[in-house]
Structure formats: structure tokens, C-alpha cells
PDB file of N, CA and C in Angstrom:
ATOM      1  N   MET A   1     135.549 -24.468  62.628  1.00  0.00           N
ATOM      2  CA  MET A   1     135.825 -23.100  62.234  1.00  0.00           C
ATOM      3  C   MET A   1     135.480 -22.874  60.769  1.00  0.00           C
ATOM      4  N   ALA A   2     134.648 -23.700  60.194  1.00  0.00           N
ATOM      5  CA  ALA A   2     134.278 -23.567  58.792  1.00  0.00           C
ATOM      6  C   ALA A   2     133.553 -22.254  58.527  1.00  0.00           C
ATOM      7  N   ASP A   3     132.922 -21.657  59.537  1.00  0.00           N
ATOM      8  CA  ASP A   3     132.179 -20.425  59.345  1.00  0.00           C
ATOM      9  C   ASP A   3     133.013 -19.172  59.609  1.00  0.00           C
ATOM     10  N   PHE A   4     134.312 -19.318  59.873  1.00  0.00           N
ATOM     11  CA  PHE A   4     135.170 -18.169  60.143  1.00  0.00           C
ATOM     12  C   PHE A   4     135.209 -17.252  58.928  1.00  0.00           C
ATOM     13  N   ASN A   5     134.955 -15.974  59.144  1.00  0.00           N
ATOM     14  CA  ASN A   5     135.005 -14.985  58.082  1.00  0.00           C
ATOM     15  C   ASN A   5     136.058 -13.952  58.464  1.00  0.00           C
ATOM     16  N   PRO A   6     137.195 -13.917  57.759  1.00  0.00           N
ATOM     17  CA  PRO A   6     138.259 -12.981  58.124  1.00  0.00           C
ATOM     18  C   PRO A   6     137.826 -11.522  58.020  1.00  0.00           C
ATOM     19  N   CYS A   7     136.790 -11.246  57.246  1.00  0.00           N
ATOM     20  CA  CYS A   7     136.314  -9.869  57.102  1.00  0.00           C
ATOM     21  C   CYS A   7     135.772  -9.323  58.418  1.00  0.00           C
ATOM     22  N   GLN A   8     135.265 -10.196  59.274  1.00  0.00           N
ATOM     23  CA  GLN A   8     134.685  -9.750  60.540  1.00  0.00           C
ATOM     24  C   GLN A   8     135.743  -9.392  61.581  1.00  0.00           C
ATOM     25  N   SER A   9     137.002  -9.630  61.245  1.00  0.00           N
ATOM     26  CA  SER A   9     138.072  -9.168  62.122  1.00  0.00           C
ATOM     27  C   SER A   9     138.983  -8.199  61.378  1.00  0.00           C
ATOM     28  N   CYS A  10     138.480  -7.599  60.314  1.00  0.00           N
ATOM     29  CA  CYS A  10     139.294  -6.705  59.491  1.00  0.00           C
ATOM     30  C   CYS A  10     138.596  -5.365  59.299  1.00  0.00           C
ATOM     31  N   GLY A  11     137.806  -5.224  58.224  1.00  0.00           N
ATOM     32  CA  GLY A  11     137.118  -3.976  57.924  1.00  0.00           C
ATOM     33  C   GLY A  11     137.954  -2.965  57.171  1.00  0.00           C
ATOM     34  N   ALA A  12     139.173  -3.337  56.793  1.00  0.00           N
ATOM     35  CA  ALA A  12     140.069  -2.386  56.130  1.00  0.00           C
ATOM     36  C   ALA A  12     139.501  -1.863  54.820  1.00  0.00           C
ATOM     37  N   CYS A  13     138.862  -2.707  54.031  1.00  0.00           N
ATOM     38  CA  CYS A  13     138.331  -2.246  52.738  1.00  0.00           C
ATOM     39  C   CYS A  13     137.232  -1.201  52.942  1.00  0.00           C
ATOM     40  N   CYS A  14     136.499  -1.296  54.038  1.00  0.00           N
ATOM     41  CA  CYS A  14     135.409  -0.353  54.344  1.00  0.00           C
ATOM     42  C   CYS A  14     135.945   1.006  54.778  1.00  0.00           C
ATOM     43  N   ALA A  15     137.241   1.074  55.030  1.00  0.00           N
ATOM     44  CA  ALA A  15     137.866   2.319  55.467  1.00  0.00           C
ATOM     45  C   ALA A  15     139.046   2.683  54.571  1.00  0.00           C
ATOM     46  N   HIS A  16     139.000   2.207  53.319  1.00  0.00           N
ATOM     47  CA  HIS A  16     140.087   2.522  52.399  1.00  0.00           C
ATOM     48  C   HIS A  16     139.593   2.949  51.015  1.00  0.00           C
ATOM     49  N   PHE A  17     138.526   2.351  50.536  1.00  0.00           N
ATOM     50  CA  PHE A  17     138.034   2.612  49.177  1.00  0.00           C
ATOM     51  C   PHE A  17     136.738   3.419  49.181  1.00  0.00           C
ATOM     52  N   ARG A  18     136.542   4.195  48.113  1.00  0.00           N
ATOM     53  CA  ARG A  18     135.236   4.832  47.912  1.00  0.00           C
ATOM     54  C   ARG A  18     134.291   3.735  47.440  1.00  0.00           C
ATOM     55  N   VAL A  19     133.172   3.600  48.092  1.00  0.00           N
ATOM     56  CA  VAL A  19     132.165   2.597  47.742  1.00  0.00           C
ATOM     57  C   VAL A  19     131.127   3.292  46.871  1.00  0.00           C
ATOM     58  N   SER A  20     131.397   3.339  45.550  1.00  0.00           N
ATOM     59  CA  SER A  20     130.481   4.016  44.645  1.00  0.00           C
ATOM     60  C   SER A  20     129.784   3.021  43.730  1.00  0.00           C
ATOM     61  N   PHE A  21     128.585   3.401  43.297  1.00  0.00           N
ATOM     62  CA  PHE A  21     127.735   2.501  42.521  1.00  0.00           C
ATOM     63  C   PHE A  21     126.692   3.336  41.795  1.00  0.00           C
ATOM     64  N   TYR A  22     126.024   2.743  40.818  1.00  0.00           N
ATOM     65  CA  TYR A  22     124.944   3.419  40.098  1.00  0.00           C
ATOM     66  C   TYR A  22     123.873   3.811  41.110  1.00  0.00           C
ATOM     67  N   TRP A  23     123.405   5.033  41.043  1.00  0.00           N
ATOM     68  CA  TRP A  23     122.521   5.577  42.081  1.00  0.00           C
ATOM     69  C   TRP A  23     121.283   4.727  42.344  1.00  0.00           C
ATOM     70  N   ALA A  24     120.709   4.101  41.314  1.00  0.00           N
ATOM     71  CA  ALA A  24     119.475   3.325  41.494  1.00  0.00           C
ATOM     72  C   ALA A  24     119.704   2.029  42.263  1.00  0.00           C
ATOM     73  N   GLU A  25     120.938   1.588  42.344  1.00  0.00           N
ATOM     74  CA  GLU A  25     121.237   0.362  43.084  1.00  0.00           C
ATOM     75  C   GLU A  25     120.852   0.503  44.553  1.00  0.00           C
ATOM     76  N   ALA A  26     121.103   1.657  45.135  1.00  0.00           N
ATOM     77  CA  ALA A  26     120.765   1.880  46.543  1.00  0.00           C
ATOM     78  C   ALA A  26     119.277   1.678  46.785  1.00  0.00           C
ATOM     79  N   GLU A  27     118.468   2.241  45.911  1.00  0.00           N
ATOM     80  CA  GLU A  27     117.019   2.109  46.058  1.00  0.00           C
ATOM     81  C   GLU A  27     116.583   0.662  45.867  1.00  0.00           C
ATOM     82  N   SER A  28     117.136  -0.014  44.869  1.00  0.00           N
ATOM     83  CA  SER A  28     116.732  -1.400  44.609  1.00  0.00           C
ATOM     84  C   SER A  28     117.131  -2.340  45.743  1.00  0.00           C
ATOM     85  N   LEU A  29     118.206  -2.004  46.454  1.00  0.00           N
ATOM     86  CA  LEU A  29     118.651  -2.821  47.590  1.00  0.00           C
ATOM     87  C   LEU A  29     117.942  -2.451  48.889  1.00  0.00           C
ATOM     88  N   GLY A  30     117.263  -1.323  48.888  1.00  0.00           N
ATOM     89  CA  GLY A  30     116.607  -0.862  50.107  1.00  0.00           C
ATOM     90  C   GLY A  30     117.554  -0.182  51.073  1.00  0.00           C
ATOM     91  N   LEU A  31     118.677   0.340  50.567  1.00  0.00           N
ATOM     92  CA  LEU A  31     119.608   1.074  51.428  1.00  0.00           C
ATOM     93  C   LEU A  31     118.953   2.374  51.888  1.00  0.00           C
ATOM     94  N   PRO A  32     118.981   2.678  53.154  1.00  0.00           N
ATOM     95  CA  PRO A  32     118.419   3.946  53.622  1.00  0.00           C
ATOM     96  C   PRO A  32     119.131   5.129  52.951  1.00  0.00           C
ATOM     97  N   ALA A  33     118.371   6.080  52.467  1.00  0.00           N
ATOM     98  CA  ALA A  33     118.926   7.232  51.752  1.00  0.00           C
ATOM     99  C   ALA A  33     119.941   7.999  52.587  1.00  0.00           C
ATOM    100  N   GLY A  34     119.781   8.013  53.879  1.00  0.00           N
ATOM    101  CA  GLY A  34     120.704   8.729  54.746  1.00  0.00           C
ATOM    102  C   GLY A  34     122.089   8.125  54.823  1.00  0.00           C
ATOM    103  N   LEU A  35     122.275   6.945  54.251  1.00  0.00           N
ATOM    104  CA  LEU A  35     123.590   6.305  54.279  1.00  0.00           C
ATOM    105  C   LEU A  35     124.383   6.506  53.000  1.00  0.00           C
ATOM    106  N   THR A  36     123.766   7.171  52.017  1.00  0.00           N
ATOM    107  CA  THR A  36     124.452   7.392  50.750  1.00  0.00           C
ATOM    108  C   THR A  36     124.528   8.881  50.443  1.00  0.00           C
ATOM    109  N   GLU A  37     125.429   9.226  49.522  1.00  0.00           N
ATOM    110  CA  GLU A  37     125.541  10.603  49.064  1.00  0.00           C
ATOM    111  C   GLU A  37     125.874  10.591  47.578  1.00  0.00           C
ATOM    112  N   PRO A  38     125.456  11.635  46.840  1.00  0.00           N
ATOM    113  CA  PRO A  38     125.723  11.657  45.404  1.00  0.00           C
ATOM    114  C   PRO A  38     127.204  11.878  45.100  1.00  0.00           C
ATOM    115  N   VAL A  39     127.663  11.225  44.026  1.00  0.00           N
ATOM    116  CA  VAL A  39     129.020  11.421  43.521  1.00  0.00           C
ATOM    117  C   VAL A  39     128.947  12.292  42.271  1.00  0.00           C
ATOM    118  N   ASP A  40     128.026  11.959  41.393  1.00  0.00           N
ATOM    119  CA  ASP A  40     127.743  12.705  40.173  1.00  0.00           C
ATOM    120  C   ASP A  40     126.291  12.386  39.808  1.00  0.00           C
ATOM    121  N   PRO A  41     125.778  12.853  38.687  1.00  0.00           N
ATOM    122  CA  PRO A  41     124.361  12.588  38.373  1.00  0.00           C
ATOM    123  C   PRO A  41     123.996  11.104  38.225  1.00  0.00           C
ATOM    124  N   TRP A  42     124.974  10.237  38.032  1.00  0.00           N
ATOM    125  CA  TRP A  42     124.696   8.819  37.791  1.00  0.00           C
ATOM    126  C   TRP A  42     125.139   7.890  38.914  1.00  0.00           C
ATOM    127  N   HIS A  43     125.957   8.381  39.809  1.00  0.00           N
ATOM    128  CA  HIS A  43     126.534   7.522  40.844  1.00  0.00           C
ATOM    129  C   HIS A  43     126.329   8.084  42.242  1.00  0.00           C
ATOM    130  N   ALA A  44     126.269   7.191  43.187  1.00  0.00           N
ATOM    131  CA  ALA A  44     126.223   7.528  44.611  1.00  0.00           C
ATOM    132  C   ALA A  44     127.347   6.761  45.293  1.00  0.00           C
ATOM    133  N   CYS A  45     127.599   7.078  46.535  1.00  0.00           N
ATOM    134  CA  CYS A  45     128.564   6.308  47.320  1.00  0.00           C
ATOM    135  C   CYS A  45     128.053   6.215  48.756  1.00  0.00           C
ATOM    136  N   MET A  46     128.595   5.274  49.476  1.00  0.00           N
ATOM    137  CA  MET A  46     128.273   5.165  50.888  1.00  0.00           C
ATOM    138  C   MET A  46     128.893   6.366  51.591  1.00  0.00           C
ATOM    139  N   LYS A  47     128.116   7.020  52.462  1.00  0.00           N
ATOM    140  CA  LYS A  47     128.648   8.162  53.210  1.00  0.00           C
ATOM    141  C   LYS A  47     129.896   7.738  53.965  1.00  0.00           C
ATOM    142  N   GLY A  48     130.826   8.642  54.000  1.00  0.00           N
ATOM    143  CA  GLY A  48     132.087   8.389  54.686  1.00  0.00           C
ATOM    144  C   GLY A  48     133.168   7.879  53.761  1.00  0.00           C
ATOM    145  N   THR A  49     132.787   7.411  52.568  1.00  0.00           N
ATOM    146  CA  THR A  49     133.799   6.871  51.650  1.00  0.00           C
ATOM    147  C   THR A  49     134.098   7.820  50.496  1.00  0.00           C
ATOM    148  N   GLY A  50     133.436   8.951  50.427  1.00  0.00           N
ATOM    149  CA  GLY A  50     133.616   9.860  49.313  1.00  0.00           C
ATOM    150  C   GLY A  50     134.761  10.835  49.473  1.00  0.00           C
ATOM    151  N   ARG A  51     135.346  10.897  50.634  1.00  0.00           N
ATOM    152  CA  ARG A  51     136.466  11.814  50.863  1.00  0.00           C
ATOM    153  C   ARG A  51     137.682  11.024  51.323  1.00  0.00           C
ATOM    154  N   ARG A  52     138.832  11.551  51.126  1.00  0.00           N
ATOM    155  CA  ARG A  52     140.061  10.822  51.447  1.00  0.00           C
ATOM    156  C   ARG A  52     140.367  10.858  52.957  1.00  0.00           C
ATOM    157  N   ALA A  53     140.388  12.020  53.554  1.00  0.00           N
ATOM    158  CA  ALA A  53     140.740  12.128  54.964  1.00  0.00           C
ATOM    159  C   ALA A  53     139.651  11.512  55.830  1.00  0.00           C
ATOM    160  N   GLY A  54     140.030  10.651  56.726  1.00  0.00           N
ATOM    161  CA  GLY A  54     139.076  10.050  57.640  1.00  0.00           C
ATOM    162  C   GLY A  54     138.111   9.086  56.977  1.00  0.00           C
ATOM    163  N   LEU A  55     138.494   8.558  55.827  1.00  0.00           N
ATOM    164  CA  LEU A  55     137.622   7.672  55.065  1.00  0.00           C
ATOM    165  C   LEU A  55     137.197   6.464  55.897  1.00  0.00           C
ATOM    166  N   ARG A  56     135.884   6.288  56.007  1.00  0.00           N
ATOM    167  CA  ARG A  56     135.326   5.141  56.715  1.00  0.00           C
ATOM    168  C   ARG A  56     133.835   5.077  56.393  1.00  0.00           C
ATOM    169  N   CYS A  57     133.386   3.945  55.920  1.00  0.00           N
ATOM    170  CA  CYS A  57     131.981   3.785  55.577  1.00  0.00           C
ATOM    171  C   CYS A  57     131.105   3.974  56.812  1.00  0.00           C
ATOM    172  N   ILE A  58     130.024   4.696  56.631  1.00  0.00           N
ATOM    173  CA  ILE A  58     129.087   4.963  57.719  1.00  0.00           C
ATOM    174  C   ILE A  58     128.475   3.672  58.277  1.00  0.00           C
ATOM    175  N   ALA A  59     128.404   2.632  57.452  1.00  0.00           N
ATOM    176  CA  ALA A  59     127.791   1.373  57.883  1.00  0.00           C
ATOM    177  C   ALA A  59     128.759   0.457  58.635  1.00  0.00           C
ATOM    178  N   LEU A  60     130.041   0.799  58.653  1.00  0.00           N
ATOM    179  CA  LEU A  60     131.032  -0.027  59.344  1.00  0.00           C
ATOM    180  C   LEU A  60     130.939   0.190  60.845  1.00  0.00           C
ATOM    181  N   GLN A  61     130.792  -0.893  61.566  1.00  0.00           N
ATOM    182  CA  GLN A  61     130.738  -0.831  63.026  1.00  0.00           C
ATOM    183  C   GLN A  61     131.918  -1.604  63.585  1.00  0.00           C
ATOM    184  N   GLY A  62     132.482  -1.123  64.665  1.00  0.00           N
ATOM    185  CA  GLY A  62     133.575  -1.819  65.328  1.00  0.00           C
ATOM    186  C   GLY A  62     134.920  -1.199  65.047  1.00  0.00           C
ATOM    187  N   GLU A  63     135.959  -1.915  65.459  1.00  0.00           N
ATOM    188  CA  GLU A  63     137.333  -1.435  65.358  1.00  0.00           C
ATOM    189  C   GLU A  63     138.068  -2.201  64.256  1.00  0.00           C
ATOM    190  N   ILE A  64     138.604  -1.455  63.306  1.00  0.00           N
ATOM    191  CA  ILE A  64     139.327  -2.056  62.187  1.00  0.00           C
ATOM    192  C   ILE A  64     140.481  -2.904  62.711  1.00  0.00           C
ATOM    193  N   GLY A  65     140.597  -4.108  62.164  1.00  0.00           N
ATOM    194  CA  GLY A  65     141.662  -5.020  62.549  1.00  0.00           C
ATOM    195  C   GLY A  65     141.362  -5.840  63.782  1.00  0.00           C
ATOM    196  N   ARG A  66     140.197  -5.635  64.383  1.00  0.00           N
ATOM    197  CA  ARG A  66     139.843  -6.377  65.588  1.00  0.00           C
ATOM    198  C   ARG A  66     138.519  -7.105  65.404  1.00  0.00           C
ATOM    199  N   GLU A  67     137.436  -6.355  65.462  1.00  0.00           N
ATOM    200  CA  GLU A  67     136.102  -6.944  65.321  1.00  0.00           C
ATOM    201  C   GLU A  67     135.204  -5.912  64.658  1.00  0.00           C
ATOM    202  N   VAL A  68     134.688  -6.242  63.485  1.00  0.00           N
ATOM    203  CA  VAL A  68     133.861  -5.304  62.727  1.00  0.00           C
ATOM    204  C   VAL A  68     132.644  -6.005  62.145  1.00  0.00           C
ATOM    205  N   GLY A  69     131.705  -5.195  61.710  1.00  0.00           N
ATOM    206  CA  GLY A  69     130.513  -5.693  61.037  1.00  0.00           C
ATOM    207  C   GLY A  69     129.896  -4.566  60.232  1.00  0.00           C
ATOM    208  N   CYS A  70     129.053  -4.941  59.308  1.00  0.00           N
ATOM    209  CA  CYS A  70     128.361  -3.982  58.464  1.00  0.00           C
ATOM    210  C   CYS A  70     126.910  -3.891  58.924  1.00  0.00           C
ATOM    211  N   SER A  71     126.455  -2.674  59.217  1.00  0.00           N
ATOM    212  CA  SER A  71     125.094  -2.506  59.712  1.00  0.00           C
ATOM    213  C   SER A  71     124.036  -2.716  58.635  1.00  0.00           C
ATOM    214  N   VAL A  72     124.452  -2.773  57.366  1.00  0.00           N
ATOM    215  CA  VAL A  72     123.506  -2.998  56.264  1.00  0.00           C
ATOM    216  C   VAL A  72     123.969  -4.178  55.400  1.00  0.00           C
ATOM    217  N   TYR A  73     124.600  -5.149  56.006  1.00  0.00           N
ATOM    218  CA  TYR A  73     125.210  -6.252  55.257  1.00  0.00           C
ATOM    219  C   TYR A  73     124.285  -6.871  54.206  1.00  0.00           C
ATOM    220  N   PRO A  74     123.038  -7.217  54.507  1.00  0.00           N
ATOM    221  CA  PRO A  74     122.187  -7.810  53.467  1.00  0.00           C
ATOM    222  C   PRO A  74     121.876  -6.847  52.319  1.00  0.00           C
ATOM    223  N   GLN A  75     122.007  -5.541  52.576  1.00  0.00           N
ATOM    224  CA  GLN A  75     121.696  -4.526  51.568  1.00  0.00           C
ATOM    225  C   GLN A  75     122.950  -3.879  50.984  1.00  0.00           C
ATOM    226  N   ARG A  76     124.110  -4.403  51.305  1.00  0.00           N
ATOM    227  CA  ARG A  76     125.355  -3.776  50.855  1.00  0.00           C
ATOM    228  C   ARG A  76     125.410  -3.699  49.330  1.00  0.00           C
ATOM    229  N   PRO A  77     125.999  -2.630  48.790  1.00  0.00           N
ATOM    230  CA  PRO A  77     126.053  -2.454  47.346  1.00  0.00           C
ATOM    231  C   PRO A  77     127.090  -3.357  46.679  1.00  0.00           C
ATOM    232  N   SER A  78     127.049  -3.377  45.357  1.00  0.00           N
ATOM    233  CA  SER A  78     127.885  -4.287  44.568  1.00  0.00           C
ATOM    234  C   SER A  78     129.383  -4.182  44.846  1.00  0.00           C
ATOM    235  N   PRO A  79     129.977  -2.984  45.031  1.00  0.00           N
ATOM    236  CA  PRO A  79     131.421  -2.967  45.301  1.00  0.00           C
ATOM    237  C   PRO A  79     131.784  -3.759  46.562  1.00  0.00           C
ATOM    238  N   CYS A  80     130.901  -3.757  47.540  1.00  0.00           N
ATOM    239  CA  CYS A  80     131.153  -4.496  48.782  1.00  0.00           C
ATOM    240  C   CYS A  80     131.048  -6.006  48.553  1.00  0.00           C
ATOM    241  N   ARG A  81     130.198  -6.389  47.656  1.00  0.00           N
ATOM    242  CA  ARG A  81     130.012  -7.815  47.352  1.00  0.00           C
ATOM    243  C   ARG A  81     131.154  -8.375  46.516  1.00  0.00           C
ATOM    244  N   GLU A  82     131.876  -7.499  45.822  1.00  0.00           N
ATOM    245  CA  GLU A  82     132.914  -7.939  44.897  1.00  0.00           C
ATOM    246  C   GLU A  82     134.269  -8.189  45.549  1.00  0.00           C
ATOM    247  N   VAL A  83     134.573  -7.525  46.654  1.00  0.00           N
ATOM    248  CA  VAL A  83     135.866  -7.730  47.320  1.00  0.00           C
ATOM    249  C   VAL A  83     135.856  -9.091  47.996  1.00  0.00           C
ATOM    250  N   GLU A  84     136.915  -9.856  47.767  1.00  0.00           N
ATOM    251  CA  GLU A  84     137.051 -11.188  48.362  1.00  0.00           C
ATOM    252  C   GLU A  84     138.250 -11.212  49.300  1.00  0.00           C
ATOM    253  N   PRO A  85     138.159 -11.945  50.394  1.00  0.00           N
ATOM    254  CA  PRO A  85     139.315 -12.057  51.289  1.00  0.00           C
ATOM    255  C   PRO A  85     140.550 -12.532  50.522  1.00  0.00           C
ATOM    256  N   GLY A  86     141.637 -11.767  50.634  1.00  0.00           N
ATOM    257  CA  GLY A  86     142.895 -12.132  50.003  1.00  0.00           C
ATOM    258  C   GLY A  86     143.062 -11.649  48.576  1.00  0.00           C
ATOM    259  N   ASP A  87     142.033 -11.010  47.978  1.00  0.00           N
ATOM    260  CA  ASP A  87     142.208 -10.524  46.606  1.00  0.00           C
ATOM    261  C   ASP A  87     143.032  -9.228  46.623  1.00  0.00           C
ATOM    262  N   ALA A  88     143.325  -8.681  45.449  1.00  0.00           N
ATOM    263  CA  ALA A  88     144.191  -7.505  45.345  1.00  0.00           C
ATOM    264  C   ALA A  88     143.643  -6.307  46.120  1.00  0.00           C
ATOM    265  N   HIS A  89     142.328  -6.088  46.062  1.00  0.00           N
ATOM    266  CA  HIS A  89     141.738  -4.966  46.804  1.00  0.00           C
ATOM    267  C   HIS A  89     141.878  -5.177  48.310  1.00  0.00           C
ATOM    268  N   CYS A  90     141.621  -6.382  48.752  1.00  0.00           N
ATOM    269  CA  CYS A  90     141.753  -6.723  50.169  1.00  0.00           C
ATOM    270  C   CYS A  90     143.189  -6.482  50.639  1.00  0.00           C
ATOM    271  N   LEU A  91     144.144  -6.978  49.880  1.00  0.00           N
ATOM    272  CA  LEU A  91     145.549  -6.846  50.276  1.00  0.00           C
ATOM    273  C   LEU A  91     145.980  -5.380  50.337  1.00  0.00           C
ATOM    274  N   LYS A  92     145.524  -4.581  49.377  1.00  0.00           N
ATOM    275  CA  LYS A  92     145.862  -3.157  49.360  1.00  0.00           C
ATOM    276  C   LYS A  92     145.294  -2.449  50.590  1.00  0.00           C
ATOM    277  N   ALA A  93     144.034  -2.720  50.913  1.00  0.00           N
ATOM    278  CA  ALA A  93     143.404  -2.082  52.072  1.00  0.00           C
ATOM    279  C   ALA A  93     144.051  -2.534  53.374  1.00  0.00           C
ATOM    280  N   ARG A  94     144.319  -3.825  53.481  1.00  0.00           N
ATOM    281  CA  ARG A  94     144.957  -4.332  54.702  1.00  0.00           C
ATOM    282  C   ARG A  94     146.334  -3.701  54.899  1.00  0.00           C
ATOM    283  N   ALA A  95     147.114  -3.599  53.824  1.00  0.00           N
ATOM    284  CA  ALA A  95     148.443  -2.995  53.918  1.00  0.00           C
ATOM    285  C   ALA A  95     148.342  -1.534  54.358  1.00  0.00           C
ATOM    286  N   ALA A  96     147.362  -0.810  53.839  1.00  0.00           N
ATOM    287  CA  ALA A  96     147.179   0.598  54.205  1.00  0.00           C
ATOM    288  C   ALA A  96     146.870   0.772  55.689  1.00  0.00           C
ATOM    289  N   HIS A  97     146.298  -0.250  56.295  1.00  0.00           N
ATOM    290  CA  HIS A  97     145.963  -0.191  57.722  1.00  0.00           C
ATOM    291  C   HIS A  97     146.966  -0.955  58.583  1.00  0.00           C
ATOM    292  N   GLY A  98     148.062  -1.389  57.974  1.00  0.00           N
ATOM    293  CA  GLY A  98     149.112  -2.078  58.723  1.00  0.00           C
ATOM    294  C   GLY A  98     148.738  -3.483  59.152  1.00  0.00           C
ATOM    295  N   LEU A  99     147.802  -4.100  58.441  1.00  0.00           N
ATOM    296  CA  LEU A  99     147.380  -5.463  58.763  1.00  0.00           C
ATOM    297  C   LEU A  99     148.110  -6.462  57.869  1.00  0.00           C
ATOM    298  N   PRO A 100     148.399  -7.649  58.370  1.00  0.00           N
ATOM    299  CA  PRO A 100     149.092  -8.645  57.547  1.00  0.00           C
ATOM    300  C   PRO A 100     148.206  -9.140  56.397  1.00  0.00           C
ATOM    301  N   ALA A 101     148.854  -9.576  55.333  1.00  0.00           N
ATOM    302  CA  ALA A 101     148.131 -10.091  54.161  1.00  0.00           C
ATOM    303  C   ALA A 101     147.396 -11.387  54.506  1.00  0.00           C
ATOM    304  N   LEU A 102     146.300 -11.612  53.809  1.00  0.00           N
ATOM    305  CA  LEU A 102     145.558 -12.876  53.903  1.00  0.00           C
ATOM    306  C   LEU A 102     145.870 -13.705  52.672  1.00  0.00           C
ATOM    307  N   ALA A 103     145.816 -15.005  52.815  1.00  0.00           N
ATOM    308  CA  ALA A 103     145.927 -15.879  51.650  1.00  0.00           C
ATOM    309  C   ALA A 103     144.588 -15.838  50.947  1.00  0.00           C
ATOM    310  N   GLN A 104     144.613 -15.817  49.598  1.00  0.00           N
ATOM    311  CA  GLN A 104     143.367 -15.822  48.849  1.00  0.00           C
ATOM    312  C   GLN A 104     142.711 -17.177  48.993  1.00  0.00           C
ATOM    313  N   ARG A 105     141.376 -17.168  49.107  1.00  0.00           N
ATOM    314  CA  ARG A 105     140.636 -18.415  49.223  1.00  0.00           C
ATOM    315  C   ARG A 105     140.753 -19.225  47.953  1.00  0.00           C
ATOM    316  N   PRO A 106     140.899 -20.519  48.062  1.00  0.00           N
ATOM    317  CA  PRO A 106     140.951 -21.342  46.845  1.00  0.00           C
ATOM    318  C   PRO A 106     139.628 -21.296  46.111  1.00  0.00           C
ATOM    319  N   GLY A 107     139.673 -21.369  44.783  1.00  0.00           N
ATOM    320  CA  GLY A 107     138.466 -21.348  43.968  1.00  0.00           C
ATOM    321  C   GLY A 107     137.652 -22.624  44.142  1.00  0.00           C
ATOM    322  N   PRO A 108     136.443 -22.648  43.515  1.00  0.00           N
ATOM    323  CA  PRO A 108     135.561 -23.806  43.659  1.00  0.00           C
ATOM    324  C   PRO A 108     136.129 -25.078  43.064  1.00  0.00           C
TER     325      PRO A 108
END
């Protein structure tokens, strides 16, 4: 079970936080333009994460807390790369969705 990734049975962070980043990052990663929307002249966000009600990233597939995946995982923006299983952001999102806390992964 060394390859177990708790994120693939969660997805809470993808349906709790606004995923915003410098607008040029989307282009440099090759993110399809239809998956992002402008926040201000300098920032964009993943569609679905810019509003509070019904917040859910357009790239999130599956059922939160069961089985999920990201349809653009190799091209995901920096905020998605920064959340780690069990960190403060993870715990906050999991709690908001009624999911139990994860233990933070031990460092290197």
C-alpha cells in the first residue's frame, strides 16, 4: 500500500478553497482556458472555486469523501500542488465536509 494517496478518496480541498494563481501560470502549465476564470487583472482561478455557494473545482471528478480525481492533475496550478495530506489546509477542508482528520505525513 505504499502508493496509497489519501487525496484520491477525499477531494475536500477541491471543493472548499478558491484555487487562484497568477494568470500566466495557467498558460505555462497548458491548462485549457475554459477551465479558468479571471479574478482580477493579475489573477485567475479554477472555474467553480471563485464563488462560495456550491464551490467545487471544475476539474474535480468523483464523489467527495469516496473516490475522486483531478482531470488536469499533471497541469494543476500551484495552490493544488502546495496542499499536503494532513496539513492545516487539508484539515480545514476535511472538517468542512465532515470528514475525519488525517495524520500529517512525516517529513523526509
